PDB file of N, CA and C in Angstrom:
ATOM      1  N   MET A   1     -11.444  -9.222 -16.022  1.00  0.00           N
ATOM      2  CA  MET A   1     -10.065  -8.872 -16.238  1.00  0.00           C
ATOM      3  C   MET A   1      -9.191  -9.799 -15.393  1.00  0.00           C
ATOM      4  N   PRO A   2      -8.185 -10.440 -15.981  1.00  0.00           N
ATOM      5  CA  PRO A   2      -7.345 -11.359 -15.220  1.00  0.00           C
ATOM      6  C   PRO A   2      -6.427 -10.612 -14.256  1.00  0.00           C
ATOM      7  N   ALA A   3      -6.044 -11.301 -13.204  1.00  0.00           N
ATOM      8  CA  ALA A   3      -5.118 -10.711 -12.244  1.00  0.00           C
ATOM      9  C   ALA A   3      -3.756 -10.525 -12.900  1.00  0.00           C
ATOM     10  N   GLN A   4      -3.014  -9.544 -12.449  1.00  0.00           N
ATOM     11  CA  GLN A   4      -1.699  -9.285 -13.024  1.00  0.00           C
ATOM     12  C   GLN A   4      -0.689 -10.300 -12.500  1.00  0.00           C
ATOM     13  N   LYS A   5       0.305 -10.582 -13.317  1.00  0.00           N
ATOM     14  CA  LYS A   5       1.322 -11.551 -12.947  1.00  0.00           C
ATOM     15  C   LYS A   5       2.239 -10.967 -11.875  1.00  0.00           C
ATOM     16  N   ARG A   6       2.502 -11.782 -10.852  1.00  0.00           N
ATOM     17  CA  ARG A   6       3.417 -11.390  -9.789  1.00  0.00           C
ATOM     18  C   ARG A   6       4.808 -11.922 -10.107  1.00  0.00           C
ATOM     19  N   TYR A   7       5.798 -11.113  -9.866  1.00  0.00           N
ATOM     20  CA  TYR A   7       7.185 -11.501 -10.090  1.00  0.00           C
ATOM     21  C   TYR A   7       7.899 -11.557  -8.746  1.00  0.00           C
ATOM     22  N   LYS A   8       8.603 -12.654  -8.493  1.00  0.00           N
ATOM     23  CA  LYS A   8       9.333 -12.823  -7.244  1.00  0.00           C
ATOM     24  C   LYS A   8      10.590 -11.962  -7.236  1.00  0.00           C
ATOM     25  N   THR A   9      11.037 -11.633  -6.044  1.00  0.00           N
ATOM     26  CA  THR A   9      12.337 -11.020  -5.849  1.00  0.00           C
ATOM     27  C   THR A   9      13.160 -11.972  -4.993  1.00  0.00           C
ATOM     28  N   LYS A  10      14.413 -11.644  -4.758  1.00  0.00           N
ATOM     29  CA  LYS A  10      15.237 -12.526  -3.934  1.00  0.00           C
ATOM     30  C   LYS A  10      14.931 -12.361  -2.449  1.00  0.00           C
ATOM     31  N   TYR A  11      14.074 -11.412  -2.096  1.00  0.00           N
ATOM     32  CA  TYR A  11      13.696 -11.180  -0.711  1.00  0.00           C
ATOM     33  C   TYR A  11      12.371 -11.882  -0.413  1.00  0.00           C
ATOM     34  N   PRO A  12      12.300 -12.672   0.657  1.00  0.00           N
ATOM     35  CA  PRO A  12      11.047 -13.361   0.972  1.00  0.00           C
ATOM     36  C   PRO A  12       9.946 -12.362   1.347  1.00  0.00           C
ATOM     37  N   GLY A  13       8.761 -12.605   0.842  1.00  0.00           N
ATOM     38  CA  GLY A  13       7.627 -11.750   1.151  1.00  0.00           C
ATOM     39  C   GLY A  13       7.561 -10.473   0.342  1.00  0.00           C
ATOM     40  N   VAL A  14       8.433 -10.321  -0.651  1.00  0.00           N
ATOM     41  CA  VAL A  14       8.441  -9.116  -1.494  1.00  0.00           C
ATOM     42  C   VAL A  14       8.262  -9.555  -2.943  1.00  0.00           C
ATOM     43  N   TYR A  15       7.295  -8.968  -3.620  1.00  0.00           N
ATOM     44  CA  TYR A  15       7.076  -9.238  -5.034  1.00  0.00           C
ATOM     45  C   TYR A  15       6.661  -7.946  -5.716  1.00  0.00           C
ATOM     46  N   TYR A  16       6.629  -7.968  -7.049  1.00  0.00           N
ATOM     47  CA  TYR A  16       6.234  -6.774  -7.789  1.00  0.00           C
ATOM     48  C   TYR A  16       5.355  -7.157  -8.976  1.00  0.00           C
ATOM     49  N   ILE A  17       4.628  -6.163  -9.464  1.00  0.00           N
ATOM     50  CA  ILE A  17       3.852  -6.291 -10.690  1.00  0.00           C
ATOM     51  C   ILE A  17       4.323  -5.185 -11.624  1.00  0.00           C
ATOM     52  N   GLN A  18       4.064  -5.332 -12.904  1.00  0.00           N
ATOM     53  CA  GLN A  18       4.399  -4.302 -13.880  1.00  0.00           C
ATOM     54  C   GLN A  18       3.194  -3.372 -14.041  1.00  0.00           C
ATOM     55  N   GLY A  19       3.414  -2.088 -13.884  1.00  0.00           N
ATOM     56  CA  GLY A  19       2.353  -1.104 -14.040  1.00  0.00           C
ATOM     57  C   GLY A  19       2.842   0.062 -14.880  1.00  0.00           C
ATOM     58  N   LYS A  20       1.930   0.945 -15.222  1.00  0.00           N
ATOM     59  CA  LYS A  20       2.305   2.129 -16.004  1.00  0.00           C
ATOM     60  C   LYS A  20       2.792   3.217 -15.065  1.00  0.00           C
ATOM     61  N   ALA A  21       3.856   3.901 -15.476  1.00  0.00           N
ATOM     62  CA  ALA A  21       4.396   5.012 -14.696  1.00  0.00           C
ATOM     63  C   ALA A  21       3.419   6.183 -14.757  1.00  0.00           C
ATOM     64  N   VAL A  22       3.317   6.899 -13.662  1.00  0.00           N
ATOM     65  CA  VAL A  22       2.425   8.051 -13.591  1.00  0.00           C
ATOM     66  C   VAL A  22       3.007   9.169 -14.443  1.00  0.00           C
ATOM     67  N   GLY A  23       2.246   9.644 -15.408  1.00  0.00           N
ATOM     68  CA  GLY A  23       2.669  10.752 -16.255  1.00  0.00           C
ATOM     69  C   GLY A  23       3.655  10.378 -17.343  1.00  0.00           C
ATOM     70  N   ALA A  24       3.882   9.091 -17.564  1.00  0.00           N
ATOM     71  CA  ALA A  24       4.799   8.656 -18.609  1.00  0.00           C
ATOM     72  C   ALA A  24       4.218   7.432 -19.309  1.00  0.00           C
ATOM     73  N   LYS A  25       4.790   7.088 -20.448  1.00  0.00           N
ATOM     74  CA  LYS A  25       4.270   5.954 -21.200  1.00  0.00           C
ATOM     75  C   LYS A  25       5.048   4.668 -20.949  1.00  0.00           C
ATOM     76  N   LYS A  26       6.085   4.730 -20.112  1.00  0.00           N
ATOM     77  CA  LYS A  26       6.862   3.528 -19.842  1.00  0.00           C
ATOM     78  C   LYS A  26       6.289   2.774 -18.642  1.00  0.00           C
ATOM     79  N   THR A  27       6.764   1.553 -18.449  1.00  0.00           N
ATOM     80  CA  THR A  27       6.288   0.751 -17.332  1.00  0.00           C
ATOM     81  C   THR A  27       7.221   0.913 -16.141  1.00  0.00           C
ATOM     82  N   GLU A  28       6.687   0.651 -14.967  1.00  0.00           N
ATOM     83  CA  GLU A  28       7.498   0.658 -13.758  1.00  0.00           C
ATOM     84  C   GLU A  28       7.041  -0.478 -12.864  1.00  0.00           C
ATOM     85  N   LYS A  29       7.905  -0.880 -11.953  1.00  0.00           N
ATOM     86  CA  LYS A  29       7.605  -1.956 -11.024  1.00  0.00           C
ATOM     87  C   LYS A  29       6.883  -1.376  -9.815  1.00  0.00           C
ATOM     88  N   ILE A  30       5.815  -2.065  -9.405  1.00  0.00           N
ATOM     89  CA  ILE A  30       5.082  -1.670  -8.210  1.00  0.00           C
ATOM     90  C   ILE A  30       5.305  -2.786  -7.187  1.00  0.00           C
ATOM     91  N   TYR A  31       5.987  -2.462  -6.092  1.00  0.00           N
ATOM     92  CA  TYR A  31       6.381  -3.457  -5.095  1.00  0.00           C
ATOM     93  C   TYR A  31       5.305  -3.643  -4.039  1.00  0.00           C
ATOM     94  N   TYR A  32       5.116  -4.901  -3.656  1.00  0.00           N
ATOM     95  CA  TYR A  32       4.180  -5.283  -2.606  1.00  0.00           C
ATOM     96  C   TYR A  32       4.912  -6.126  -1.577  1.00  0.00           C
ATOM     97  N   ILE A  33       4.450  -6.064  -0.328  1.00  0.00           N
ATOM     98  CA  ILE A  33       5.000  -6.906   0.726  1.00  0.00           C
ATOM     99  C   ILE A  33       3.886  -7.789   1.273  1.00  0.00           C
ATOM    100  N   ALA A  34       4.260  -8.970   1.726  1.00  0.00           N
ATOM    101  CA  ALA A  34       3.300  -9.913   2.300  1.00  0.00           C
ATOM    102  C   ALA A  34       3.844 -10.390   3.641  1.00  0.00           C
ATOM    103  N   PHE A  35       2.975 -10.403   4.645  1.00  0.00           N
ATOM    104  CA  PHE A  35       3.359 -10.870   5.974  1.00  0.00           C
ATOM    105  C   PHE A  35       2.127 -11.391   6.691  1.00  0.00           C
ATOM    106  N   ARG A  36       2.349 -12.081   7.798  1.00  0.00           N
ATOM    107  CA  ARG A  36       1.246 -12.607   8.587  1.00  0.00           C
ATOM    108  C   ARG A  36       1.126 -11.819   9.887  1.00  0.00           C
ATOM    109  N   LYS A  37      -0.102 -11.483  10.228  1.00  0.00           N
ATOM    110  CA  LYS A  37      -0.390 -10.773  11.470  1.00  0.00           C
ATOM    111  C   LYS A  37      -1.538 -11.502  12.141  1.00  0.00           C
ATOM    112  N   ASN A  38      -1.290 -12.027  13.313  1.00  0.00           N
ATOM    113  CA  ASN A  38      -2.278 -12.822  14.050  1.00  0.00           C
ATOM    114  C   ASN A  38      -2.780 -13.994  13.213  1.00  0.00           C
ATOM    115  N   GLY A  39      -1.881 -14.602  12.431  1.00  0.00           N
ATOM    116  CA  GLY A  39      -2.226 -15.765  11.622  1.00  0.00           C
ATOM    117  C   GLY A  39      -2.917 -15.430  10.310  1.00  0.00           C
ATOM    118  N   LYS A  40      -3.162 -14.176  10.050  1.00  0.00           N
ATOM    119  CA  LYS A  40      -3.856 -13.768   8.829  1.00  0.00           C
ATOM    120  C   LYS A  40      -2.858 -13.166   7.844  1.00  0.00           C
ATOM    121  N   LEU A  41      -2.937 -13.556   6.574  1.00  0.00           N
ATOM    122  CA  LEU A  41      -2.032 -13.040   5.551  1.00  0.00           C
ATOM    123  C   LEU A  41      -2.430 -11.619   5.160  1.00  0.00           C
ATOM    124  N   ILE A  42      -1.476 -10.705   5.256  1.00  0.00           N
ATOM    125  CA  ILE A  42      -1.684  -9.304   4.894  1.00  0.00           C
ATOM    126  C   ILE A  42      -0.761  -8.993   3.727  1.00  0.00           C
ATOM    127  N   GLU A  43      -1.278  -8.354   2.690  1.00  0.00           N
ATOM    128  CA  GLU A  43      -0.486  -7.911   1.552  1.00  0.00           C
ATOM    129  C   GLU A  43      -0.701  -6.416   1.377  1.00  0.00           C
ATOM    130  N   GLU A  44       0.394  -5.665   1.343  1.00  0.00           N
ATOM    131  CA  GLU A  44       0.333  -4.209   1.240  1.00  0.00           C
ATOM    132  C   GLU A  44       1.219  -3.708   0.111  1.00  0.00           C
ATOM    133  N   LYS A  45       0.838  -2.588  -0.448  1.00  0.00           N
ATOM    134  CA  LYS A  45       1.665  -1.937  -1.451  1.00  0.00           C
ATOM    135  C   LYS A  45       2.797  -1.209  -0.725  1.00  0.00           C
ATOM    136  N   ALA A  46       4.034  -1.454  -1.162  1.00  0.00           N
ATOM    137  CA  ALA A  46       5.190  -0.809  -0.538  1.00  0.00           C
ATOM    138  C   ALA A  46       5.570   0.472  -1.274  1.00  0.00           C
ATOM    139  N   GLY A  47       5.421   0.498  -2.598  1.00  0.00           N
ATOM    140  CA  GLY A  47       5.748   1.707  -3.345  1.00  0.00           C
ATOM    141  C   GLY A  47       6.067   1.416  -4.795  1.00  0.00           C
ATOM    142  N   ARG A  48       6.242   2.497  -5.556  1.00  0.00           N
ATOM    143  CA  ARG A  48       6.551   2.405  -6.980  1.00  0.00           C
ATOM    144  C   ARG A  48       8.037   2.618  -7.217  1.00  0.00           C
ATOM    145  N   GLN A  49       8.535   2.010  -8.270  1.00  0.00           N
ATOM    146  CA  GLN A  49       9.959   2.042  -8.589  1.00  0.00           C
ATOM    147  C   GLN A  49      10.478   3.467  -8.792  1.00  0.00           C
ATOM    148  N   PHE A  50       9.830   4.265  -9.602  1.00  0.00           N
ATOM    149  CA  PHE A  50      10.320   5.605  -9.913  1.00  0.00           C
ATOM    150  C   PHE A  50       9.693   6.668  -9.025  1.00  0.00           C
ATOM    151  N   GLN A  51       8.401   6.623  -8.849  1.00  0.00           N
ATOM    152  CA  GLN A  51       7.698   7.649  -8.086  1.00  0.00           C
ATOM    153  C   GLN A  51       8.151   7.673  -6.620  1.00  0.00           C
ATOM    154  N   ASP A  52       8.299   6.502  -6.002  1.00  0.00           N
ATOM    155  CA  ASP A  52       8.681   6.413  -4.591  1.00  0.00           C
ATOM    156  C   ASP A  52      10.144   6.011  -4.401  1.00  0.00           C
ATOM    157  N   ASP A  53      10.879   5.826  -5.503  1.00  0.00           N
ATOM    158  CA  ASP A  53      12.278   5.382  -5.464  1.00  0.00           C
ATOM    159  C   ASP A  53      12.415   4.094  -4.654  1.00  0.00           C
ATOM    160  N   MET A  54      11.516   3.144  -4.917  1.00  0.00           N
ATOM    161  CA  MET A  54      11.465   1.888  -4.170  1.00  0.00           C
ATOM    162  C   MET A  54      12.332   0.831  -4.837  1.00  0.00           C
ATOM    163  N   THR A  55      12.995   0.037  -4.004  1.00  0.00           N
ATOM    164  CA  THR A  55      13.786  -1.110  -4.449  1.00  0.00           C
ATOM    165  C   THR A  55      13.315  -2.336  -3.671  1.00  0.00           C
ATOM    166  N   PRO A  56      13.651  -3.539  -4.122  1.00  0.00           N
ATOM    167  CA  PRO A  56      13.269  -4.730  -3.337  1.00  0.00           C
ATOM    168  C   PRO A  56      13.873  -4.712  -1.925  1.00  0.00           C
ATOM    169  N   ALA A  57      15.090  -4.196  -1.783  1.00  0.00           N
ATOM    170  CA  ALA A  57      15.721  -4.145  -0.461  1.00  0.00           C
ATOM    171  C   ALA A  57      14.970  -3.188   0.472  1.00  0.00           C
ATOM    172  N   ARG A  58      14.545  -2.059  -0.037  1.00  0.00           N
ATOM    173  CA  ARG A  58      13.775  -1.106   0.788  1.00  0.00           C
ATOM    174  C   ARG A  58      12.428  -1.713   1.176  1.00  0.00           C
ATOM    175  N   ALA A  59      11.793  -2.407   0.240  1.00  0.00           N
ATOM    176  CA  ALA A  59      10.514  -3.038   0.547  1.00  0.00           C
ATOM    177  C   ALA A  59      10.697  -4.097   1.628  1.00  0.00           C
ATOM    178  N   ALA A  60      11.801  -4.856   1.573  1.00  0.00           N
ATOM    179  CA  ALA A  60      12.084  -5.861   2.599  1.00  0.00           C
ATOM    180  C   ALA A  60      12.297  -5.192   3.954  1.00  0.00           C
ATOM    181  N   GLY A  61      12.927  -4.016   3.960  1.00  0.00           N
ATOM    182  CA  GLY A  61      13.105  -3.266   5.189  1.00  0.00           C
ATOM    183  C   GLY A  61      11.783  -2.809   5.782  1.00  0.00           C
ATOM    184  N   ILE A  62      10.860  -2.390   4.949  1.00  0.00           N
ATOM    185  CA  ILE A  62       9.527  -1.995   5.407  1.00  0.00           C
ATOM    186  C   ILE A  62       8.799  -3.215   5.973  1.00  0.00           C
ATOM    187  N   ARG A  63       8.964  -4.341   5.318  1.00  0.00           N
ATOM    188  CA  ARG A  63       8.307  -5.580   5.750  1.00  0.00           C
ATOM    189  C   ARG A  63       8.781  -6.006   7.135  1.00  0.00           C
ATOM    190  N   SER A  64      10.072  -5.812   7.412  1.00  0.00           N
ATOM    191  CA  SER A  64      10.606  -6.235   8.711  1.00  0.00           C
ATOM    192  C   SER A  64      10.227  -5.213   9.751  1.00  0.00           C
TER     193      SER A  64
END
């Protein structure tokens, strides 16, 4: 199975993928953050667009 396409946001280190909404048939954005810790790249899930009410700005706040 191929990896899902990542979409950039205007915030550095924040990107999203398109996923299915929980309990619905529509799609939602799943936000991820990327940062370096001790020289190692770490990528974490920040939250879902509808389920967690996540926005790119909130994800950037979590990243900082």
